[in-house]
N, C-alpha and C. Protein backbone atom coordinates (compact mmCIF):
# COMPACT_ATOMS: atom_id res chain seq x y z
N MET A 1 123.35 159.83 102.79
CA MET A 1 122.22 159.26 102.06
C MET A 1 122.36 157.73 102.04
N ASN A 2 121.27 157.06 102.18
CA ASN A 2 121.23 155.60 102.14
C ASN A 2 121.58 155.14 100.72
N PRO A 3 122.56 154.20 100.56
CA PRO A 3 122.92 153.74 99.21
C PRO A 3 121.74 153.17 98.45
N ARG A 4 120.77 152.62 99.16
CA ARG A 4 119.58 152.07 98.51
C ARG A 4 118.80 153.18 97.79
N ASP A 5 118.91 154.42 98.27
CA ASP A 5 118.21 155.53 97.65
C ASP A 5 118.61 155.76 96.20
N GLU A 6 119.82 155.37 95.84
CA GLU A 6 120.32 155.57 94.49
C GLU A 6 120.08 154.36 93.60
N THR A 7 119.73 153.23 94.18
CA THR A 7 119.53 152.01 93.42
C THR A 7 118.22 152.10 92.64
N PRO A 8 118.26 151.95 91.32
CA PRO A 8 117.02 151.98 90.54
C PRO A 8 116.09 150.83 90.95
N ARG A 9 114.84 151.15 91.21
CA ARG A 9 113.85 150.15 91.62
C ARG A 9 112.59 150.32 90.77
N PRO A 10 112.64 149.86 89.52
CA PRO A 10 111.48 150.07 88.65
C PRO A 10 110.19 149.47 89.21
N GLN A 11 110.30 148.38 90.00
CA GLN A 11 109.11 147.76 90.56
C GLN A 11 108.42 148.68 91.57
N GLU A 12 109.10 149.75 92.01
CA GLU A 12 108.50 150.70 92.94
C GLU A 12 108.07 152.00 92.24
N SER A 13 108.02 151.98 90.92
CA SER A 13 107.68 153.20 90.18
C SER A 13 106.32 153.76 90.57
N LEU A 14 105.36 152.91 90.91
CA LEU A 14 104.04 153.39 91.32
C LEU A 14 104.14 154.16 92.63
N SER A 15 104.85 153.62 93.60
CA SER A 15 104.96 154.31 94.89
C SER A 15 105.72 155.63 94.73
N PHE A 16 106.75 155.65 93.90
CA PHE A 16 107.48 156.90 93.67
C PHE A 16 106.59 157.93 92.97
N ALA A 17 105.78 157.49 92.01
CA ALA A 17 104.89 158.42 91.29
C ALA A 17 103.84 159.00 92.24
N VAL A 18 103.29 158.17 93.11
CA VAL A 18 102.32 158.65 94.10
C VAL A 18 102.98 159.69 95.00
N ARG A 19 104.18 159.40 95.46
CA ARG A 19 104.89 160.34 96.32
C ARG A 19 105.20 161.65 95.59
N ALA A 20 105.54 161.58 94.30
CA ALA A 20 105.85 162.80 93.54
C ALA A 20 104.61 163.69 93.42
N ILE A 21 103.46 163.09 93.16
CA ILE A 21 102.22 163.85 93.05
C ILE A 21 101.88 164.49 94.39
N ALA A 22 102.02 163.74 95.47
CA ALA A 22 101.75 164.28 96.80
C ALA A 22 102.72 165.41 97.13
N ARG A 23 103.99 165.21 96.81
CA ARG A 23 105.01 166.23 97.10
C ARG A 23 104.69 167.53 96.36
N ALA A 24 104.23 167.43 95.12
CA ALA A 24 103.88 168.62 94.36
C ALA A 24 102.74 169.39 95.03
N ALA A 25 101.93 168.70 95.82
CA ALA A 25 100.83 169.33 96.56
C ALA A 25 101.26 169.73 97.97
N GLY A 26 102.56 169.57 98.26
CA GLY A 26 103.06 169.97 99.57
C GLY A 26 102.94 168.92 100.66
N VAL A 27 102.71 167.68 100.26
CA VAL A 27 102.54 166.59 101.23
C VAL A 27 103.64 165.56 101.03
N GLU A 28 104.35 165.25 102.09
CA GLU A 28 105.39 164.21 102.04
C GLU A 28 104.81 162.89 102.55
N ILE A 29 105.08 161.83 101.83
CA ILE A 29 104.62 160.49 102.22
C ILE A 29 105.84 159.62 102.48
N ASP A 30 105.85 158.94 103.60
CA ASP A 30 106.93 158.03 103.93
C ASP A 30 106.88 156.83 102.98
N HIS A 31 108.02 156.56 102.33
CA HIS A 31 108.07 155.50 101.32
C HIS A 31 107.74 154.13 101.91
N ALA A 32 108.34 153.81 103.03
CA ALA A 32 108.11 152.49 103.66
C ALA A 32 106.64 152.33 104.05
N LYS A 33 106.04 153.40 104.55
CA LYS A 33 104.62 153.34 104.94
C LYS A 33 103.74 153.08 103.71
N LEU A 34 104.06 153.75 102.61
CA LEU A 34 103.28 153.56 101.39
C LEU A 34 103.46 152.14 100.84
N ILE A 35 104.68 151.64 100.82
CA ILE A 35 104.95 150.27 100.36
C ILE A 35 104.13 149.28 101.19
N SER A 36 104.12 149.48 102.49
CA SER A 36 103.36 148.60 103.38
C SER A 36 101.86 148.70 103.08
N ALA A 37 101.35 149.92 102.92
CA ALA A 37 99.93 150.11 102.64
C ALA A 37 99.52 149.49 101.31
N LEU A 38 100.45 149.49 100.35
CA LEU A 38 100.17 148.88 99.05
C LEU A 38 100.18 147.35 99.13
N GLY A 39 100.69 146.82 100.25
CA GLY A 39 100.69 145.37 100.45
C GLY A 39 101.82 144.67 99.76
N TRP A 40 102.88 145.39 99.45
CA TRP A 40 104.02 144.78 98.80
C TRP A 40 104.90 144.18 99.89
N GLU A 41 104.92 142.88 99.97
CA GLU A 41 105.70 142.18 100.99
C GLU A 41 107.16 142.60 100.96
N THR A 42 107.67 142.72 99.76
CA THR A 42 109.07 143.10 99.60
C THR A 42 109.18 143.97 98.38
N ALA A 43 110.13 144.84 98.37
CA ALA A 43 110.35 145.67 97.20
C ALA A 43 111.42 145.06 96.30
N GLY A 44 111.85 143.85 96.62
CA GLY A 44 112.89 143.18 95.85
C GLY A 44 112.39 142.68 94.52
N PRO A 45 113.30 142.27 93.65
CA PRO A 45 112.92 141.83 92.31
C PRO A 45 112.21 140.47 92.30
N SER A 46 111.37 140.29 91.30
CA SER A 46 110.74 138.99 91.08
C SER A 46 111.46 138.32 89.91
N PRO A 47 111.09 137.08 89.58
CA PRO A 47 111.81 136.37 88.52
C PRO A 47 111.85 137.08 87.17
N THR A 48 110.80 137.82 86.83
CA THR A 48 110.83 138.57 85.57
C THR A 48 110.30 139.97 85.82
N ALA A 49 110.72 140.89 85.00
CA ALA A 49 110.28 142.28 85.14
C ALA A 49 108.77 142.40 84.97
N THR A 50 108.20 141.68 84.01
CA THR A 50 106.77 141.77 83.77
C THR A 50 105.98 141.31 84.97
N LEU A 51 106.33 140.16 85.53
CA LEU A 51 105.62 139.66 86.71
C LEU A 51 105.76 140.64 87.87
N ASN A 52 106.90 141.27 87.98
CA ASN A 52 107.14 142.20 89.06
C ASN A 52 106.28 143.45 88.95
N MET A 53 105.80 143.78 87.76
CA MET A 53 105.03 145.00 87.56
C MET A 53 103.52 144.76 87.54
N LEU A 54 103.09 143.52 87.40
CA LEU A 54 101.66 143.23 87.33
C LEU A 54 101.00 143.40 88.70
N ASP A 55 99.81 143.92 88.69
CA ASP A 55 98.97 144.07 89.88
C ASP A 55 99.61 144.90 90.98
N ARG A 56 100.56 145.77 90.65
CA ARG A 56 101.15 146.64 91.66
C ARG A 56 100.09 147.59 92.22
N ASP A 57 99.03 147.85 91.45
CA ASP A 57 97.99 148.80 91.86
C ASP A 57 96.79 148.14 92.54
N ALA A 58 96.88 146.86 92.86
CA ALA A 58 95.73 146.14 93.43
C ALA A 58 95.14 146.82 94.66
N ARG A 59 95.97 147.45 95.48
CA ARG A 59 95.49 148.11 96.70
C ARG A 59 95.72 149.63 96.66
N LEU A 60 95.89 150.16 95.47
CA LEU A 60 96.25 151.57 95.34
C LEU A 60 95.21 152.51 95.96
N ILE A 61 93.96 152.35 95.64
CA ILE A 61 92.93 153.27 96.13
C ILE A 61 92.87 153.25 97.65
N GLU A 62 92.87 152.06 98.23
CA GLU A 62 92.81 151.93 99.69
C GLU A 62 94.08 152.47 100.35
N ALA A 63 95.24 152.17 99.77
CA ALA A 63 96.51 152.63 100.33
C ALA A 63 96.58 154.16 100.31
N CYS A 64 96.14 154.74 99.23
CA CYS A 64 96.22 156.20 99.12
C CYS A 64 95.25 156.89 100.07
N LYS A 65 94.13 156.27 100.38
CA LYS A 65 93.23 156.83 101.39
C LYS A 65 93.96 156.97 102.72
N LEU A 66 94.80 156.00 103.05
CA LEU A 66 95.54 156.02 104.31
C LEU A 66 96.52 157.17 104.39
N VAL A 67 96.96 157.68 103.24
CA VAL A 67 97.91 158.79 103.23
C VAL A 67 97.26 160.09 102.77
N GLY A 68 95.93 160.14 102.75
CA GLY A 68 95.21 161.37 102.47
C GLY A 68 94.95 161.69 101.02
N MET A 69 94.95 160.67 100.16
CA MET A 69 94.71 160.91 98.74
C MET A 69 93.41 160.22 98.30
N GLN A 70 92.63 160.94 97.52
CA GLN A 70 91.44 160.35 96.91
C GLN A 70 91.77 160.10 95.45
N ILE A 71 91.69 158.83 95.06
CA ILE A 71 92.08 158.43 93.70
C ILE A 71 90.91 157.74 93.02
N ARG A 72 90.75 158.04 91.73
CA ARG A 72 89.69 157.41 90.94
C ARG A 72 90.32 156.64 89.80
N GLU A 73 89.91 155.40 89.64
CA GLU A 73 90.39 154.63 88.49
C GLU A 73 89.65 155.10 87.26
N VAL A 74 90.37 155.23 86.16
CA VAL A 74 89.75 155.67 84.92
C VAL A 74 89.00 154.50 84.30
N HIS A 75 89.52 153.32 84.47
CA HIS A 75 88.81 152.11 84.09
C HIS A 75 89.26 151.00 85.03
N PRO A 76 88.43 150.00 85.28
CA PRO A 76 88.80 148.95 86.22
C PRO A 76 90.08 148.24 85.77
N PRO A 77 90.96 147.87 86.71
CA PRO A 77 92.21 147.18 86.35
C PRO A 77 91.99 145.95 85.48
N ALA A 78 90.92 145.21 85.72
CA ALA A 78 90.67 144.00 84.92
C ALA A 78 90.48 144.35 83.44
N ALA A 79 89.97 145.55 83.17
CA ALA A 79 89.74 145.97 81.78
C ALA A 79 91.04 146.24 81.04
N ALA A 80 92.14 146.41 81.77
CA ALA A 80 93.42 146.73 81.14
C ALA A 80 94.10 145.51 80.51
N ARG A 81 93.68 144.32 80.89
CA ARG A 81 94.34 143.12 80.39
C ARG A 81 94.17 142.98 78.88
N GLY A 82 95.29 142.91 78.18
CA GLY A 82 95.29 142.70 76.74
C GLY A 82 95.07 143.94 75.89
N LEU A 83 94.88 145.09 76.52
CA LEU A 83 94.60 146.31 75.75
C LEU A 83 95.71 146.70 74.79
N GLU A 84 96.96 146.57 75.25
CA GLU A 84 98.06 147.04 74.41
C GLU A 84 98.14 146.32 73.08
N SER A 85 97.53 145.14 72.98
CA SER A 85 97.59 144.40 71.71
C SER A 85 96.34 144.62 70.85
N ALA A 86 95.34 145.32 71.36
CA ALA A 86 94.12 145.57 70.59
C ALA A 86 94.35 146.73 69.62
N ALA A 87 94.12 146.48 68.35
CA ALA A 87 94.38 147.48 67.30
C ALA A 87 93.61 148.77 67.53
N GLU A 88 92.41 148.68 68.04
CA GLU A 88 91.58 149.87 68.21
C GLU A 88 91.81 150.61 69.52
N PHE A 89 92.72 150.12 70.36
CA PHE A 89 92.94 150.77 71.64
C PHE A 89 93.44 152.21 71.50
N GLY A 90 94.26 152.49 70.51
CA GLY A 90 94.75 153.86 70.29
C GLY A 90 93.60 154.84 70.06
N GLN A 91 92.62 154.42 69.25
CA GLN A 91 91.45 155.27 69.00
C GLN A 91 90.63 155.44 70.28
N HIS A 92 90.48 154.37 71.03
CA HIS A 92 89.73 154.42 72.28
C HIS A 92 90.42 155.36 73.28
N PHE A 93 91.74 155.29 73.35
CA PHE A 93 92.51 156.16 74.23
C PHE A 93 92.27 157.62 73.86
N ASP A 94 92.36 157.93 72.56
CA ASP A 94 92.15 159.30 72.10
C ASP A 94 90.74 159.81 72.39
N ALA A 95 89.75 158.97 72.14
CA ALA A 95 88.36 159.40 72.30
C ALA A 95 87.90 159.42 73.76
N SER A 96 88.35 158.47 74.54
CA SER A 96 87.83 158.34 75.90
C SER A 96 88.77 158.84 76.99
N TYR A 97 90.04 158.50 76.91
CA TYR A 97 90.96 158.80 78.01
C TYR A 97 91.63 160.16 77.87
N ARG A 98 91.97 160.55 76.64
CA ARG A 98 92.62 161.85 76.44
C ARG A 98 91.82 162.99 77.07
N PRO A 99 90.50 163.08 76.82
CA PRO A 99 89.73 164.19 77.43
C PRO A 99 89.77 164.15 78.97
N LEU A 100 89.75 162.97 79.54
CA LEU A 100 89.80 162.85 81.01
C LEU A 100 91.16 163.30 81.55
N ILE A 101 92.22 162.92 80.85
CA ILE A 101 93.57 163.33 81.27
C ILE A 101 93.71 164.84 81.14
N LEU A 102 93.27 165.39 80.03
CA LEU A 102 93.37 166.83 79.83
C LEU A 102 92.60 167.60 80.89
N ARG A 103 91.42 167.13 81.22
CA ARG A 103 90.60 167.78 82.26
C ARG A 103 91.30 167.69 83.61
N ALA A 104 91.88 166.56 83.91
CA ALA A 104 92.62 166.41 85.18
C ALA A 104 93.79 167.39 85.22
N LEU A 105 94.54 167.49 84.13
CA LEU A 105 95.68 168.41 84.09
C LEU A 105 95.21 169.87 84.25
N GLU A 106 94.09 170.22 83.62
CA GLU A 106 93.54 171.57 83.75
C GLU A 106 93.18 171.90 85.19
N ASN A 107 92.81 170.88 85.96
CA ASN A 107 92.40 171.05 87.36
C ASN A 107 93.51 170.72 88.35
N ASP A 108 94.75 170.67 87.85
CA ASP A 108 95.91 170.37 88.70
C ASP A 108 95.76 169.06 89.47
N GLN A 109 95.16 168.07 88.82
CA GLN A 109 95.03 166.75 89.41
C GLN A 109 96.09 165.84 88.80
N GLY A 110 96.72 165.05 89.63
CA GLY A 110 97.74 164.12 89.15
C GLY A 110 97.13 162.97 88.38
N VAL A 111 97.86 162.49 87.38
CA VAL A 111 97.42 161.33 86.60
C VAL A 111 98.52 160.28 86.64
N LEU A 112 98.18 159.10 87.16
CA LEU A 112 99.09 157.97 87.20
C LEU A 112 98.84 157.11 85.97
N ALA A 113 99.91 156.71 85.29
CA ALA A 113 99.77 155.93 84.06
C ALA A 113 100.72 154.74 84.07
N TRP A 114 100.20 153.58 83.71
CA TRP A 114 101.03 152.38 83.59
C TRP A 114 101.18 152.00 82.13
N ARG A 115 102.42 151.77 81.74
CA ARG A 115 102.83 151.41 80.39
C ARG A 115 102.73 152.60 79.45
N GLY A 116 103.25 152.42 78.24
CA GLY A 116 103.25 153.47 77.25
C GLY A 116 104.48 154.35 77.26
N TRP A 117 105.33 154.18 78.27
CA TRP A 117 106.56 154.98 78.37
C TRP A 117 107.62 154.36 77.47
N PRO A 118 108.69 155.08 77.15
CA PRO A 118 109.68 154.58 76.19
C PRO A 118 110.55 153.44 76.73
N SER A 119 111.01 152.62 75.83
CA SER A 119 111.99 151.53 75.98
C SER A 119 112.06 150.91 77.36
N GLU A 120 113.15 151.11 78.08
CA GLU A 120 113.36 150.41 79.36
C GLU A 120 112.34 150.85 80.42
N ARG A 121 111.61 151.91 80.20
CA ARG A 121 110.60 152.40 81.15
C ARG A 121 109.20 151.91 80.80
N GLU A 122 109.08 151.09 79.76
CA GLU A 122 107.78 150.63 79.25
C GLU A 122 106.87 150.05 80.33
N LEU A 123 107.40 149.25 81.23
CA LEU A 123 106.57 148.61 82.25
C LEU A 123 106.37 149.46 83.50
N SER A 124 106.89 150.66 83.49
CA SER A 124 106.83 151.53 84.66
C SER A 124 105.49 152.24 84.80
N TRP A 125 105.22 152.60 86.04
CA TRP A 125 104.18 153.57 86.34
C TRP A 125 104.82 154.94 86.24
N GLY A 126 104.05 155.93 85.84
CA GLY A 126 104.56 157.28 85.78
C GLY A 126 103.48 158.29 86.09
N TRP A 127 103.91 159.51 86.21
CA TRP A 127 103.03 160.64 86.51
C TRP A 127 102.92 161.48 85.25
N ILE A 128 101.75 161.53 84.62
CA ILE A 128 101.52 162.40 83.46
C ILE A 128 101.43 163.82 83.99
N ARG A 129 102.32 164.68 83.47
CA ARG A 129 102.41 166.04 84.01
C ARG A 129 101.94 167.13 83.06
N THR A 130 102.09 166.90 81.75
CA THR A 130 101.72 167.94 80.79
C THR A 130 101.23 167.32 79.48
N ALA A 131 100.50 168.13 78.73
CA ALA A 131 100.11 167.76 77.37
C ALA A 131 101.19 168.28 76.43
N CYS A 132 101.35 167.60 75.29
CA CYS A 132 102.35 168.03 74.30
C CYS A 132 101.89 167.57 72.92
N ASP A 133 102.69 167.84 71.91
CA ASP A 133 102.35 167.44 70.55
C ASP A 133 103.07 166.18 70.09
N GLU A 134 103.96 165.64 70.91
CA GLU A 134 104.71 164.43 70.52
C GLU A 134 104.06 163.18 71.09
N GLY A 135 104.52 162.03 70.61
CA GLY A 135 104.04 160.74 71.13
C GLY A 135 102.53 160.66 71.04
N VAL A 136 101.90 160.27 72.15
CA VAL A 136 100.43 160.24 72.19
C VAL A 136 99.88 161.50 72.85
N GLY A 137 100.74 162.51 73.01
CA GLY A 137 100.26 163.80 73.47
C GLY A 137 100.49 164.15 74.92
N PHE A 138 101.33 163.36 75.62
CA PHE A 138 101.57 163.65 77.03
C PHE A 138 103.02 163.39 77.41
N ARG A 139 103.49 164.15 78.39
CA ARG A 139 104.82 163.96 78.96
C ARG A 139 104.65 163.80 80.47
N GLY A 140 105.62 163.14 81.06
CA GLY A 140 105.55 162.96 82.50
C GLY A 140 106.86 162.47 83.05
N ALA A 141 106.78 161.80 84.17
CA ALA A 141 107.98 161.31 84.84
C ALA A 141 107.77 159.88 85.31
N THR A 142 108.68 159.01 84.93
CA THR A 142 108.77 157.69 85.54
C THR A 142 109.89 157.79 86.56
N ILE A 143 109.68 157.22 87.72
CA ILE A 143 110.60 157.45 88.84
C ILE A 143 110.99 156.12 89.46
N TRP A 144 112.30 155.85 89.49
CA TRP A 144 112.80 154.58 90.00
C TRP A 144 113.63 154.69 91.26
N SER A 145 113.87 155.91 91.75
CA SER A 145 114.74 156.06 92.92
C SER A 145 114.45 157.39 93.60
N GLU A 146 114.99 157.53 94.81
CA GLU A 146 114.87 158.80 95.53
C GLU A 146 115.53 159.92 94.74
N ARG A 147 116.65 159.64 94.11
CA ARG A 147 117.34 160.66 93.32
C ARG A 147 116.43 161.14 92.19
N GLU A 148 115.78 160.22 91.48
CA GLU A 148 114.87 160.61 90.40
C GLU A 148 113.64 161.34 90.96
N LEU A 149 113.22 160.98 92.15
CA LEU A 149 112.10 161.67 92.78
C LEU A 149 112.45 163.14 93.01
N ASN A 150 113.70 163.40 93.31
CA ASN A 150 114.14 164.77 93.58
C ASN A 150 114.44 165.57 92.32
N SER A 151 114.61 164.90 91.18
CA SER A 151 114.97 165.64 89.96
C SER A 151 114.01 165.42 88.81
N LEU A 152 113.00 164.62 88.97
CA LEU A 152 111.96 164.31 87.98
C LEU A 152 112.39 164.34 86.51
N ARG A 153 112.33 163.18 85.91
CA ARG A 153 112.63 163.01 84.49
C ARG A 153 111.56 163.69 83.65
N ASP A 154 111.83 163.81 82.37
CA ASP A 154 110.85 164.34 81.42
C ASP A 154 110.66 163.25 80.36
N ASP A 155 109.75 162.32 80.63
CA ASP A 155 109.52 161.18 79.74
C ASP A 155 108.33 161.45 78.83
N LEU A 156 108.43 161.00 77.61
CA LEU A 156 107.35 161.10 76.64
C LEU A 156 106.51 159.83 76.71
N LEU A 157 105.20 159.98 76.77
CA LEU A 157 104.32 158.83 76.65
C LEU A 157 104.24 158.50 75.17
N VAL A 158 104.83 157.39 74.76
CA VAL A 158 104.96 157.08 73.33
C VAL A 158 103.83 156.20 72.80
N ARG A 159 103.13 155.53 73.69
CA ARG A 159 101.98 154.69 73.35
C ARG A 159 100.88 154.93 74.38
N PRO A 160 99.64 154.61 74.07
CA PRO A 160 98.58 154.79 75.06
C PRO A 160 98.88 154.02 76.34
N ALA A 161 98.64 154.66 77.46
CA ALA A 161 98.80 153.99 78.76
C ALA A 161 97.72 152.94 78.90
N VAL A 162 98.07 151.82 79.50
CA VAL A 162 97.13 150.72 79.65
C VAL A 162 96.27 150.90 80.90
N GLN A 163 96.80 151.53 81.92
CA GLN A 163 96.06 151.75 83.15
C GLN A 163 96.22 153.19 83.59
N LEU A 164 95.14 153.81 84.03
CA LEU A 164 95.17 155.22 84.45
C LEU A 164 94.37 155.41 85.73
N TYR A 165 94.90 156.28 86.59
CA TYR A 165 94.20 156.72 87.79
C TYR A 165 94.34 158.23 87.87
N ILE A 166 93.31 158.89 88.36
CA ILE A 166 93.36 160.33 88.57
C ILE A 166 93.34 160.59 90.07
N VAL A 167 94.30 161.39 90.52
CA VAL A 167 94.37 161.79 91.92
C VAL A 167 93.48 163.02 92.05
N GLU A 168 92.30 162.82 92.60
CA GLU A 168 91.32 163.90 92.65
C GLU A 168 91.56 164.90 93.77
N ARG A 169 92.08 164.40 94.91
CA ARG A 169 92.27 165.28 96.05
C ARG A 169 93.39 164.75 96.93
N ILE A 170 94.12 165.67 97.51
CA ILE A 170 95.18 165.32 98.46
C ILE A 170 94.99 166.18 99.70
N SER A 171 94.98 165.54 100.85
CA SER A 171 94.89 166.30 102.10
C SER A 171 96.00 165.86 103.03
N ARG A 172 96.38 166.77 103.89
CA ARG A 172 97.41 166.46 104.88
C ARG A 172 96.82 165.56 105.96
N ARG A 173 97.57 164.54 106.33
CA ARG A 173 97.18 163.65 107.42
C ARG A 173 97.97 164.05 108.66
N PRO A 174 97.33 164.02 109.83
CA PRO A 174 98.05 164.35 111.05
C PRO A 174 99.12 163.33 111.40
């Protein structure tokens, strides 16, 4: 195994989450190909963790089309700016986003979520996998390495996610 496979790479949590959702549907996606399609020049660290996590999804919809996934943004990325500090965002999440997430889960559609995960995983992208009664009502997996991709964590979404995408369809590419 490549030693890099074990190195935690939180800045790649979006690509790992996309791969996990595809894998659950029986489709394997090459990590390097996905990183390239997302337009990430390098997967190396930036000066700060926050800067390294911003705009990771700028080319997500287009990149996923290249690997056979149809993805819908729940709200435009620009609308996510500043949401976590808005007092009424929790109510908005419950009224608007919770029903969409629940419907996606009922239809075996993957849900990608940015932020809202616990402590050191706060800035990560993750895959919402199930509804629950704890936190804000959802559990999933944040994934930072190949090892975690193979064993999937069970993370609680403790605050409303700031950005959401629903994977509506996955098809095999030749």
